[in-house]
mmCIF file of all heavy atoms, coordinates in Angstrom:
data_MODEL
# 
_entry.id   MODEL 
# 
loop_
_atom_site.group_PDB 
_atom_site.id 
_atom_site.type_symbol 
_atom_site.label_atom_id 
_atom_site.label_alt_id 
_atom_site.label_comp_id 
_atom_site.label_asym_id 
_atom_site.label_entity_id 
_atom_site.label_seq_id 
_atom_site.pdbx_PDB_ins_code 
_atom_site.Cartn_x 
_atom_site.Cartn_y 
_atom_site.Cartn_z 
_atom_site.occupancy 
_atom_site.B_iso_or_equiv 
_atom_site.pdbx_formal_charge 
_atom_site.auth_seq_id 
_atom_site.auth_comp_id 
_atom_site.auth_asym_id 
_atom_site.auth_atom_id 
_atom_site.pdbx_PDB_model_num 
ATOM 1   N N   . THR A 1 1  ? -13.972 40.458 157.922 1.00 0.00 ? 1  THR A N   1 
ATOM 2   C CA  . THR A 1 1  ? -14.881 39.949 158.967 1.00 0.00 ? 1  THR A CA  1 
ATOM 3   C C   . THR A 1 1  ? -14.225 40.176 160.283 1.00 0.00 ? 1  THR A C   1 
ATOM 4   O O   . THR A 1 1  ? -12.997 40.009 160.433 1.00 0.00 ? 1  THR A O   1 
ATOM 5   C CB  . THR A 1 1  ? -15.126 38.434 158.752 1.00 0.00 ? 1  THR A CB  1 
ATOM 6   O OG1 . THR A 1 1  ? -15.612 38.223 157.429 1.00 0.00 ? 1  THR A OG1 1 
ATOM 7   C CG2 . THR A 1 1  ? -16.182 37.949 159.721 1.00 0.00 ? 1  THR A CG2 1 
ATOM 8   N N   . GLY A 1 2  ? -15.013 40.476 161.323 1.00 0.00 ? 2  GLY A N   1 
ATOM 9   C CA  . GLY A 1 2  ? -14.533 40.593 162.673 1.00 0.00 ? 2  GLY A CA  1 
ATOM 10  C C   . GLY A 1 2  ? -14.009 42.000 162.961 1.00 0.00 ? 2  GLY A C   1 
ATOM 11  O O   . GLY A 1 2  ? -14.332 42.984 162.249 1.00 0.00 ? 2  GLY A O   1 
ATOM 12  N N   . GLY A 1 3  ? -13.184 42.143 164.010 1.00 0.00 ? 3  GLY A N   1 
ATOM 13  C CA  . GLY A 1 3  ? -12.671 43.426 164.389 1.00 0.00 ? 3  GLY A CA  1 
ATOM 14  C C   . GLY A 1 3  ? -13.508 44.076 165.488 1.00 0.00 ? 3  GLY A C   1 
ATOM 15  O O   . GLY A 1 3  ? -14.588 43.592 165.851 1.00 0.00 ? 3  GLY A O   1 
ATOM 16  N N   . LYS A 1 4  ? -13.007 45.171 166.043 1.00 0.00 ? 4  LYS A N   1 
ATOM 17  C CA  . LYS A 1 4  ? -13.690 45.877 167.090 1.00 0.00 ? 4  LYS A CA  1 
ATOM 18  C C   . LYS A 1 4  ? -13.451 47.373 166.944 1.00 0.00 ? 4  LYS A C   1 
ATOM 19  O O   . LYS A 1 4  ? -12.506 47.815 166.300 1.00 0.00 ? 4  LYS A O   1 
ATOM 20  C CB  . LYS A 1 4  ? -13.263 45.397 168.469 1.00 0.00 ? 4  LYS A CB  1 
ATOM 21  C CG  . LYS A 1 4  ? -11.777 45.612 168.785 1.00 0.00 ? 4  LYS A CG  1 
ATOM 22  C CD  . LYS A 1 4  ? -11.359 44.797 170.038 1.00 0.00 ? 4  LYS A CD  1 
ATOM 23  C CE  . LYS A 1 4  ? -11.943 45.331 171.311 1.00 0.00 ? 4  LYS A CE  1 
ATOM 24  N NZ  . LYS A 1 4  ? -11.152 46.436 171.875 1.00 0.00 ? 4  LYS A NZ  1 
ATOM 25  N N   . LEU A 1 5  ? -14.321 48.150 167.546 1.00 0.00 ? 5  LEU A N   1 
ATOM 26  C CA  . LEU A 1 5  ? -14.267 49.623 167.436 1.00 0.00 ? 5  LEU A CA  1 
ATOM 27  C C   . LEU A 1 5  ? -12.899 50.168 167.785 1.00 0.00 ? 5  LEU A C   1 
ATOM 28  O O   . LEU A 1 5  ? -12.335 51.011 167.059 1.00 0.00 ? 5  LEU A O   1 
ATOM 29  C CB  . LEU A 1 5  ? -15.344 50.239 168.331 1.00 0.00 ? 5  LEU A CB  1 
ATOM 30  C CG  . LEU A 1 5  ? -15.449 51.778 168.314 1.00 0.00 ? 5  LEU A CG  1 
ATOM 31  C CD1 . LEU A 1 5  ? -16.046 52.250 167.009 1.00 0.00 ? 5  LEU A CD1 1 
ATOM 32  C CD2 . LEU A 1 5  ? -16.309 52.220 169.502 1.00 0.00 ? 5  LEU A CD2 1 
ATOM 33  N N   . THR A 1 6  ? -12.321 49.719 168.915 1.00 0.00 ? 6  THR A N   1 
ATOM 34  C CA  . THR A 1 6  ? -11.063 50.249 169.390 1.00 0.00 ? 6  THR A CA  1 
ATOM 35  C C   . THR A 1 6  ? -9.951  50.137 168.378 1.00 0.00 ? 6  THR A C   1 
ATOM 36  O O   . THR A 1 6  ? -9.114  51.061 168.212 1.00 0.00 ? 6  THR A O   1 
ATOM 37  C CB  . THR A 1 6  ? -10.674 49.560 170.697 1.00 0.00 ? 6  THR A CB  1 
ATOM 38  O OG1 . THR A 1 6  ? -11.691 49.744 171.671 1.00 0.00 ? 6  THR A OG1 1 
ATOM 39  C CG2 . THR A 1 6  ? -9.341  50.083 171.209 1.00 0.00 ? 6  THR A CG2 1 
ATOM 40  N N   . THR A 1 7  ? -9.875  49.017 167.677 1.00 0.00 ? 7  THR A N   1 
ATOM 41  C CA  . THR A 1 7  ? -8.759  48.760 166.768 1.00 0.00 ? 7  THR A CA  1 
ATOM 42  C C   . THR A 1 7  ? -9.071  49.097 165.309 1.00 0.00 ? 7  THR A C   1 
ATOM 43  O O   . THR A 1 7  ? -8.359  48.605 164.421 1.00 0.00 ? 7  THR A O   1 
ATOM 44  C CB  . THR A 1 7  ? -8.333  47.267 166.882 1.00 0.00 ? 7  THR A CB  1 
ATOM 45  O OG1 . THR A 1 7  ? -9.447  46.431 166.556 1.00 0.00 ? 7  THR A OG1 1 
ATOM 46  C CG2 . THR A 1 7  ? -7.827  46.938 168.285 1.00 0.00 ? 7  THR A CG2 1 
ATOM 47  N N   . TYR A 1 8  ? -10.083 49.914 165.101 1.00 0.00 ? 8  TYR A N   1 
ATOM 48  C CA  . TYR A 1 8  ? -10.529 50.136 163.705 1.00 0.00 ? 8  TYR A CA  1 
ATOM 49  C C   . TYR A 1 8  ? -9.416  50.750 162.839 1.00 0.00 ? 8  TYR A C   1 
ATOM 50  O O   . TYR A 1 8  ? -9.294  50.421 161.667 1.00 0.00 ? 8  TYR A O   1 
ATOM 51  C CB  . TYR A 1 8  ? -11.795 51.005 163.687 1.00 0.00 ? 8  TYR A CB  1 
ATOM 52  C CG  . TYR A 1 8  ? -11.564 52.486 163.700 1.00 0.00 ? 8  TYR A CG  1 
ATOM 53  C CD1 . TYR A 1 8  ? -11.464 53.219 162.513 1.00 0.00 ? 8  TYR A CD1 1 
ATOM 54  C CD2 . TYR A 1 8  ? -11.441 53.187 164.916 1.00 0.00 ? 8  TYR A CD2 1 
ATOM 55  C CE1 . TYR A 1 8  ? -11.258 54.612 162.529 1.00 0.00 ? 8  TYR A CE1 1 
ATOM 56  C CE2 . TYR A 1 8  ? -11.261 54.564 164.916 1.00 0.00 ? 8  TYR A CE2 1 
ATOM 57  C CZ  . TYR A 1 8  ? -11.158 55.272 163.744 1.00 0.00 ? 8  TYR A CZ  1 
ATOM 58  O OH  . TYR A 1 8  ? -10.976 56.616 163.781 1.00 0.00 ? 8  TYR A OH  1 
ATOM 59  N N   . ARG A 1 9  ? -8.596  51.622 163.397 1.00 0.00 ? 9  ARG A N   1 
ATOM 60  C CA  . ARG A 1 9  ? -7.531  52.271 162.619 1.00 0.00 ? 9  ARG A CA  1 
ATOM 61  C C   . ARG A 1 9  ? -6.477  51.227 162.216 1.00 0.00 ? 9  ARG A C   1 
ATOM 62  O O   . ARG A 1 9  ? -6.053  51.202 161.029 1.00 0.00 ? 9  ARG A O   1 
ATOM 63  C CB  . ARG A 1 9  ? -6.908  53.425 163.424 1.00 0.00 ? 9  ARG A CB  1 
ATOM 64  C CG  . ARG A 1 9  ? -6.039  54.354 162.555 1.00 0.00 ? 9  ARG A CG  1 
ATOM 65  C CD  . ARG A 1 9  ? -4.912  54.918 163.375 1.00 0.00 ? 9  ARG A CD  1 
ATOM 66  N NE  . ARG A 1 9  ? -4.050  53.868 163.889 1.00 0.00 ? 9  ARG A NE  1 
ATOM 67  C CZ  . ARG A 1 9  ? -3.055  53.303 163.205 1.00 0.00 ? 9  ARG A CZ  1 
ATOM 68  N NH1 . ARG A 1 9  ? -2.788  53.688 161.975 1.00 0.00 ? 9  ARG A NH1 1 
ATOM 69  N NH2 . ARG A 1 9  ? -2.344  52.318 163.776 1.00 0.00 ? 9  ARG A NH2 1 
ATOM 70  N N   . ALA A 1 10 ? -6.058  50.414 163.182 1.00 0.00 ? 10 ALA A N   1 
ATOM 71  C CA  . ALA A 1 10 ? -5.042  49.390 162.862 1.00 0.00 ? 10 ALA A CA  1 
ATOM 72  C C   . ALA A 1 10 ? -5.612  48.375 161.890 1.00 0.00 ? 10 ALA A C   1 
ATOM 73  O O   . ALA A 1 10 ? -4.909  47.863 160.977 1.00 0.00 ? 10 ALA A O   1 
ATOM 74  C CB  . ALA A 1 10 ? -4.578  48.737 164.137 1.00 0.00 ? 10 ALA A CB  1 
ATOM 75  N N   . MET A 1 11 ? -6.876  48.000 162.076 1.00 0.00 ? 11 MET A N   1 
ATOM 76  C CA  . MET A 1 11 ? -7.533  47.059 161.197 1.00 0.00 ? 11 MET A CA  1 
ATOM 77  C C   . MET A 1 11 ? -7.559  47.612 159.765 1.00 0.00 ? 11 MET A C   1 
ATOM 78  O O   . MET A 1 11 ? -7.286  46.961 158.782 1.00 0.00 ? 11 MET A O   1 
ATOM 79  C CB  . MET A 1 11 ? -8.940  46.761 161.694 1.00 0.00 ? 11 MET A CB  1 
ATOM 80  C CG  . MET A 1 11 ? -9.726  45.845 160.786 1.00 0.00 ? 11 MET A CG  1 
ATOM 81  S SD  . MET A 1 11 ? -11.241 45.237 161.589 1.00 0.00 ? 11 MET A SD  1 
ATOM 82  C CE  . MET A 1 11 ? -12.041 46.765 162.019 1.00 0.00 ? 11 MET A CE  1 
ATOM 83  N N   . ALA A 1 12 ? -7.909  48.889 159.666 1.00 0.00 ? 12 ALA A N   1 
ATOM 84  C CA  . ALA A 1 12 ? -7.996  49.546 158.330 1.00 0.00 ? 12 ALA A CA  1 
ATOM 85  C C   . ALA A 1 12 ? -6.607  49.570 157.665 1.00 0.00 ? 12 ALA A C   1 
ATOM 86  O O   . ALA A 1 12 ? -6.483  49.386 156.458 1.00 0.00 ? 12 ALA A O   1 
ATOM 87  C CB  . ALA A 1 12 ? -8.530  50.971 158.486 1.00 0.00 ? 12 ALA A CB  1 
ATOM 88  N N   . ALA A 1 13 ? -5.572  49.795 158.449 1.00 0.00 ? 13 ALA A N   1 
ATOM 89  C CA  . ALA A 1 13 ? -4.205  49.778 157.887 1.00 0.00 ? 13 ALA A CA  1 
ATOM 90  C C   . ALA A 1 13 ? -3.851  48.431 157.309 1.00 0.00 ? 13 ALA A C   1 
ATOM 91  O O   . ALA A 1 13 ? -3.221  48.315 156.266 1.00 0.00 ? 13 ALA A O   1 
ATOM 92  C CB  . ALA A 1 13 ? -3.207  50.236 158.955 1.00 0.00 ? 13 ALA A CB  1 
ATOM 93  N N   . ASP A 1 14 ? -4.320  47.367 157.999 1.00 0.00 ? 14 ASP A N   1 
ATOM 94  C CA  . ASP A 1 14 ? -4.045  46.014 157.497 1.00 0.00 ? 14 ASP A CA  1 
ATOM 95  C C   . ASP A 1 14 ? -4.855  45.727 156.241 1.00 0.00 ? 14 ASP A C   1 
ATOM 96  O O   . ASP A 1 14 ? -4.315  45.134 155.282 1.00 0.00 ? 14 ASP A O   1 
ATOM 97  C CB  . ASP A 1 14 ? -4.386  45.007 158.590 1.00 0.00 ? 14 ASP A CB  1 
ATOM 98  C CG  . ASP A 1 14 ? -4.111  43.583 158.142 1.00 0.00 ? 14 ASP A CG  1 
ATOM 99  O OD1 . ASP A 1 14 ? -2.941  43.303 157.735 1.00 0.00 ? 14 ASP A OD1 1 
ATOM 100 O OD2 . ASP A 1 14 ? -5.014  42.721 158.206 1.00 0.00 ? 14 ASP A OD2 1 
ATOM 101 N N   . ILE A 1 15 ? -6.113  46.164 156.212 1.00 0.00 ? 15 ILE A N   1 
ATOM 102 C CA  . ILE A 1 15 ? -6.924  45.950 154.984 1.00 0.00 ? 15 ILE A CA  1 
ATOM 103 C C   . ILE A 1 15 ? -6.276  46.714 153.818 1.00 0.00 ? 15 ILE A C   1 
ATOM 104 O O   . ILE A 1 15 ? -6.246  46.188 152.715 1.00 0.00 ? 15 ILE A O   1 
ATOM 105 C CB  . ILE A 1 15 ? -8.350  46.462 155.220 1.00 0.00 ? 15 ILE A CB  1 
ATOM 106 C CG1 . ILE A 1 15 ? -9.002  45.737 156.390 1.00 0.00 ? 15 ILE A CG1 1 
ATOM 107 C CG2 . ILE A 1 15 ? -9.203  46.226 153.944 1.00 0.00 ? 15 ILE A CG2 1 
ATOM 108 C CD1 . ILE A 1 15 ? -10.322 46.341 156.851 1.00 0.00 ? 15 ILE A CD1 1 
ATOM 109 N N   . LEU A 1 16 ? -5.789  47.929 154.107 1.00 0.00 ? 16 LEU A N   1 
ATOM 110 C CA  . LEU A 1 16 ? -5.181  48.717 153.024 1.00 0.00 ? 16 LEU A CA  1 
ATOM 111 C C   . LEU A 1 16 ? -3.963  47.987 152.472 1.00 0.00 ? 16 LEU A C   1 
ATOM 112 O O   . LEU A 1 16 ? -3.666  48.074 151.297 1.00 0.00 ? 16 LEU A O   1 
ATOM 113 C CB  . LEU A 1 16 ? -4.782  50.094 153.556 1.00 0.00 ? 16 LEU A CB  1 
ATOM 114 C CG  . LEU A 1 16 ? -4.138  51.043 152.499 1.00 0.00 ? 16 LEU A CG  1 
ATOM 115 C CD1 . LEU A 1 16 ? -5.107  51.298 151.367 1.00 0.00 ? 16 LEU A CD1 1 
ATOM 116 C CD2 . LEU A 1 16 ? -3.695  52.318 153.147 1.00 0.00 ? 16 LEU A CD2 1 
ATOM 117 N N   . ARG A 1 17 ? -3.207  47.311 153.322 1.00 0.00 ? 17 ARG A N   1 
ATOM 118 C CA  . ARG A 1 17 ? -2.052  46.558 152.845 1.00 0.00 ? 17 ARG A CA  1 
ATOM 119 C C   . ARG A 1 17 ? -2.494  45.518 151.794 1.00 0.00 ? 17 ARG A C   1 
ATOM 120 O O   . ARG A 1 17 ? -1.844  45.378 150.754 1.00 0.00 ? 17 ARG A O   1 
ATOM 121 C CB  . ARG A 1 17 ? -1.369  45.881 154.018 1.00 0.00 ? 17 ARG A CB  1 
ATOM 122 C CG  . ARG A 1 17 ? -0.142  45.041 153.666 1.00 0.00 ? 17 ARG A CG  1 
ATOM 123 C CD  . ARG A 1 17 ? 0.541   44.538 154.929 1.00 0.00 ? 17 ARG A CD  1 
ATOM 124 N NE  . ARG A 1 17 ? -0.338  43.702 155.703 1.00 0.00 ? 17 ARG A NE  1 
ATOM 125 C CZ  . ARG A 1 17 ? -0.584  42.393 155.488 1.00 0.00 ? 17 ARG A CZ  1 
ATOM 126 N NH1 . ARG A 1 17 ? 0.002   41.823 154.440 1.00 0.00 ? 17 ARG A NH1 1 
ATOM 127 N NH2 . ARG A 1 17 ? -1.402  41.705 156.272 1.00 0.00 ? 17 ARG A NH2 1 
ATOM 128 N N   . HIS A 1 18 ? -3.628  44.853 152.068 1.00 0.00 ? 18 HIS A N   1 
ATOM 129 C CA  . HIS A 1 18 ? -4.164  43.902 151.088 1.00 0.00 ? 18 HIS A CA  1 
ATOM 130 C C   . HIS A 1 18 ? -4.607  44.612 149.812 1.00 0.00 ? 18 HIS A C   1 
ATOM 131 O O   . HIS A 1 18 ? -4.460  44.090 148.713 1.00 0.00 ? 18 HIS A O   1 
ATOM 132 C CB  . HIS A 1 18 ? -5.320  43.101 151.692 1.00 0.00 ? 18 HIS A CB  1 
ATOM 133 C CG  . HIS A 1 18 ? -4.932  42.118 152.714 1.00 0.00 ? 18 HIS A CG  1 
ATOM 134 N ND1 . HIS A 1 18 ? -4.625  42.472 154.014 1.00 0.00 ? 18 HIS A ND1 1 
ATOM 135 C CD2 . HIS A 1 18 ? -4.799  40.770 152.676 1.00 0.00 ? 18 HIS A CD2 1 
ATOM 136 C CE1 . HIS A 1 18 ? -4.312  41.366 154.707 1.00 0.00 ? 18 HIS A CE1 1 
ATOM 137 N NE2 . HIS A 1 18 ? -4.402  40.323 153.909 1.00 0.00 ? 18 HIS A NE2 1 
ATOM 138 N N   . VAL A 1 19 ? -5.206  45.777 149.986 1.00 0.00 ? 19 VAL A N   1 
ATOM 139 C CA  . VAL A 1 19 ? -5.651  46.560 148.792 1.00 0.00 ? 19 VAL A CA  1 
ATOM 140 C C   . VAL A 1 19 ? -4.451  46.961 147.954 1.00 0.00 ? 19 VAL A C   1 
ATOM 141 O O   . VAL A 1 19 ? -4.504  46.824 146.736 1.00 0.00 ? 19 VAL A O   1 
ATOM 142 C CB  . VAL A 1 19 ? -6.452  47.817 149.268 1.00 0.00 ? 19 VAL A CB  1 
ATOM 143 C CG1 . VAL A 1 19 ? -6.729  48.739 148.099 1.00 0.00 ? 19 VAL A CG1 1 
ATOM 144 C CG2 . VAL A 1 19 ? -7.765  47.415 149.939 1.00 0.00 ? 19 VAL A CG2 1 
ATOM 145 N N   . MET A 1 20 ? -3.429  47.449 148.600 1.00 0.00 ? 20 MET A N   1 
ATOM 146 C CA  . MET A 1 20 ? -2.244  47.851 147.892 1.00 0.00 ? 20 MET A CA  1 
ATOM 147 C C   . MET A 1 20 ? -1.626  46.666 147.112 1.00 0.00 ? 20 MET A C   1 
ATOM 148 O O   . MET A 1 20 ? -1.126  46.839 145.968 1.00 0.00 ? 20 MET A O   1 
ATOM 149 C CB  . MET A 1 20 ? -1.189  48.477 148.840 1.00 0.00 ? 20 MET A CB  1 
ATOM 150 C CG  . MET A 1 20 ? -1.609  49.844 149.362 1.00 0.00 ? 20 MET A CG  1 
ATOM 151 S SD  . MET A 1 20 ? -1.779  51.067 148.013 1.00 0.00 ? 20 MET A SD  1 
ATOM 152 C CE  . MET A 1 20 ? -1.404  52.573 148.916 1.00 0.00 ? 20 MET A CE  1 
ATOM 153 N N   . GLN A 1 21 ? -1.630  45.525 147.727 1.00 0.00 ? 21 GLN A N   1 
ATOM 154 C CA  . GLN A 1 21 ? -1.120  44.339 147.047 1.00 0.00 ? 21 GLN A CA  1 
ATOM 155 C C   . GLN A 1 21 ? -1.934  44.040 145.828 1.00 0.00 ? 21 GLN A C   1 
ATOM 156 O O   . GLN A 1 21 ? -1.392  43.671 144.748 1.00 0.00 ? 21 GLN A O   1 
ATOM 157 C CB  . GLN A 1 21 ? -1.094  43.130 148.013 1.00 0.00 ? 21 GLN A CB  1 
ATOM 158 C CG  . GLN A 1 21 ? -0.067  43.217 149.089 1.00 0.00 ? 21 GLN A CG  1 
ATOM 159 C CD  . GLN A 1 21 ? -0.160  42.052 150.084 1.00 0.00 ? 21 GLN A CD  1 
ATOM 160 O OE1 . GLN A 1 21 ? -1.095  41.275 150.073 1.00 0.00 ? 21 GLN A OE1 1 
ATOM 161 N NE2 . GLN A 1 21 ? 0.811   41.953 150.980 1.00 0.00 ? 21 GLN A NE2 1 
ATOM 162 N N   . ALA A 1 22 ? -3.291  44.154 145.930 1.00 0.00 ? 22 ALA A N   1 
ATOM 163 C CA  . ALA A 1 22 ? -4.136  43.887 144.824 1.00 0.00 ? 22 ALA A CA  1 
ATOM 164 C C   . ALA A 1 22 ? -3.943  44.902 143.683 1.00 0.00 ? 22 ALA A C   1 
ATOM 165 O O   . ALA A 1 22 ? -4.091  44.592 142.507 1.00 0.00 ? 22 ALA A O   1 
ATOM 166 C CB  . ALA A 1 22 ? -5.608  43.890 145.285 1.00 0.00 ? 22 ALA A CB  1 
ATOM 167 N N   . LEU A 1 23 ? -3.577  46.149 144.079 1.00 0.00 ? 23 LEU A N   1 
ATOM 168 C CA  . LEU A 1 23 ? -3.321  47.186 143.096 1.00 0.00 ? 23 LEU A CA  1 
ATOM 169 C C   . LEU A 1 23 ? -1.888  47.159 142.531 1.00 0.00 ? 23 LEU A C   1 
ATOM 170 O O   . LEU A 1 23 ? -1.569  47.901 141.596 1.00 0.00 ? 23 LEU A O   1 
ATOM 171 C CB  . LEU A 1 23 ? -3.569  48.567 143.723 1.00 0.00 ? 23 LEU A CB  1 
ATOM 172 C CG  . LEU A 1 23 ? -5.001  48.915 144.076 1.00 0.00 ? 23 LEU A CG  1 
ATOM 173 C CD1 . LEU A 1 23 ? -5.055  50.232 144.895 1.00 0.00 ? 23 LEU A CD1 1 
ATOM 174 C CD2 . LEU A 1 23 ? -5.852  49.065 142.836 1.00 0.00 ? 23 LEU A CD2 1 
ATOM 175 N N   . GLY A 1 24 ? -1.045  46.349 143.155 1.00 0.00 ? 24 GLY A N   1 
ATOM 176 C CA  . GLY A 1 24 ? 0.341   46.302 142.754 1.00 0.00 ? 24 GLY A CA  1 
ATOM 177 C C   . GLY A 1 24 ? 1.151   47.520 143.170 1.00 0.00 ? 24 GLY A C   1 
ATOM 178 O O   . GLY A 1 24 ? 2.099   47.903 142.500 1.00 0.00 ? 24 GLY A O   1 
ATOM 179 N N   . GLN A 1 25 ? 0.735   48.110 144.269 1.00 0.00 ? 25 GLN A N   1 
ATOM 180 C CA  . GLN A 1 25 ? 1.399   49.325 144.766 1.00 0.00 ? 25 GLN A CA  1 
ATOM 181 C C   . GLN A 1 25 ? 1.976   49.057 146.140 1.00 0.00 ? 25 GLN A C   1 
ATOM 182 O O   . GLN A 1 25 ? 1.572   48.162 146.848 1.00 0.00 ? 25 GLN A O   1 
ATOM 183 C CB  . GLN A 1 25 ? 0.413   50.500 144.847 1.00 0.00 ? 25 GLN A CB  1 
ATOM 184 C CG  . GLN A 1 25 ? -0.174  50.899 143.503 1.00 0.00 ? 25 GLN A CG  1 
ATOM 185 C CD  . GLN A 1 25 ? -1.113  52.107 143.628 1.00 0.00 ? 25 GLN A CD  1 
ATOM 186 O OE1 . GLN A 1 25 ? -1.014  52.890 144.572 1.00 0.00 ? 25 GLN A OE1 1 
ATOM 187 N NE2 . GLN A 1 25 ? -2.016  52.260 142.666 1.00 0.00 ? 25 GLN A NE2 1 
ATOM 188 N N   . ALA A 1 26 ? 2.942   49.901 146.530 1.00 0.00 ? 26 ALA A N   1 
ATOM 189 C CA  . ALA A 1 26 ? 3.577   49.803 147.830 1.00 0.00 ? 26 ALA A CA  1 
ATOM 190 C C   . ALA A 1 26 ? 2.915   50.798 148.792 1.00 0.00 ? 26 ALA A C   1 
ATOM 191 O O   . ALA A 1 26 ? 2.576   51.885 148.379 1.00 0.00 ? 26 ALA A O   1 
ATOM 192 C CB  . ALA A 1 26 ? 5.053   50.070 147.743 1.00 0.00 ? 26 ALA A CB  1 
ATOM 193 N N   . HIS A 1 27 ? 2.781   50.341 150.020 1.00 0.00 ? 27 HIS A N   1 
ATOM 194 C CA  . HIS A 1 27 ? 2.313   51.259 151.053 1.00 0.00 ? 27 HIS A CA  1 
ATOM 195 C C   . HIS A 1 27 ? 3.515   51.773 151.857 1.00 0.00 ? 27 HIS A C   1 
ATOM 196 O O   . HIS A 1 27 ? 4.102   51.017 152.646 1.00 0.00 ? 27 HIS A O   1 
ATOM 197 C CB  . HIS A 1 27 ? 1.322   50.517 152.019 1.00 0.00 ? 27 HIS A CB  1 
ATOM 198 C CG  . HIS A 1 27 ? 0.609   51.401 152.941 1.00 0.00 ? 27 HIS A CG  1 
ATOM 199 N ND1 . HIS A 1 27 ? -0.045  50.950 154.088 1.00 0.00 ? 27 HIS A ND1 1 
ATOM 200 C CD2 . HIS A 1 27 ? 0.412   52.746 152.975 1.00 0.00 ? 27 HIS A CD2 1 
ATOM 201 C CE1 . HIS A 1 27 ? -0.600  51.951 154.713 1.00 0.00 ? 27 HIS A CE1 1 
ATOM 202 N NE2 . HIS A 1 27 ? -0.327  53.065 154.042 1.00 0.00 ? 27 HIS A NE2 1 
# 
């Protein structure tokens, strides 16, 4: 939820960190 167009890449990197944790993998 939230976020803005300008920071979409950084936001995506943070979401991916949560995804990797859920997958049990390291980023």
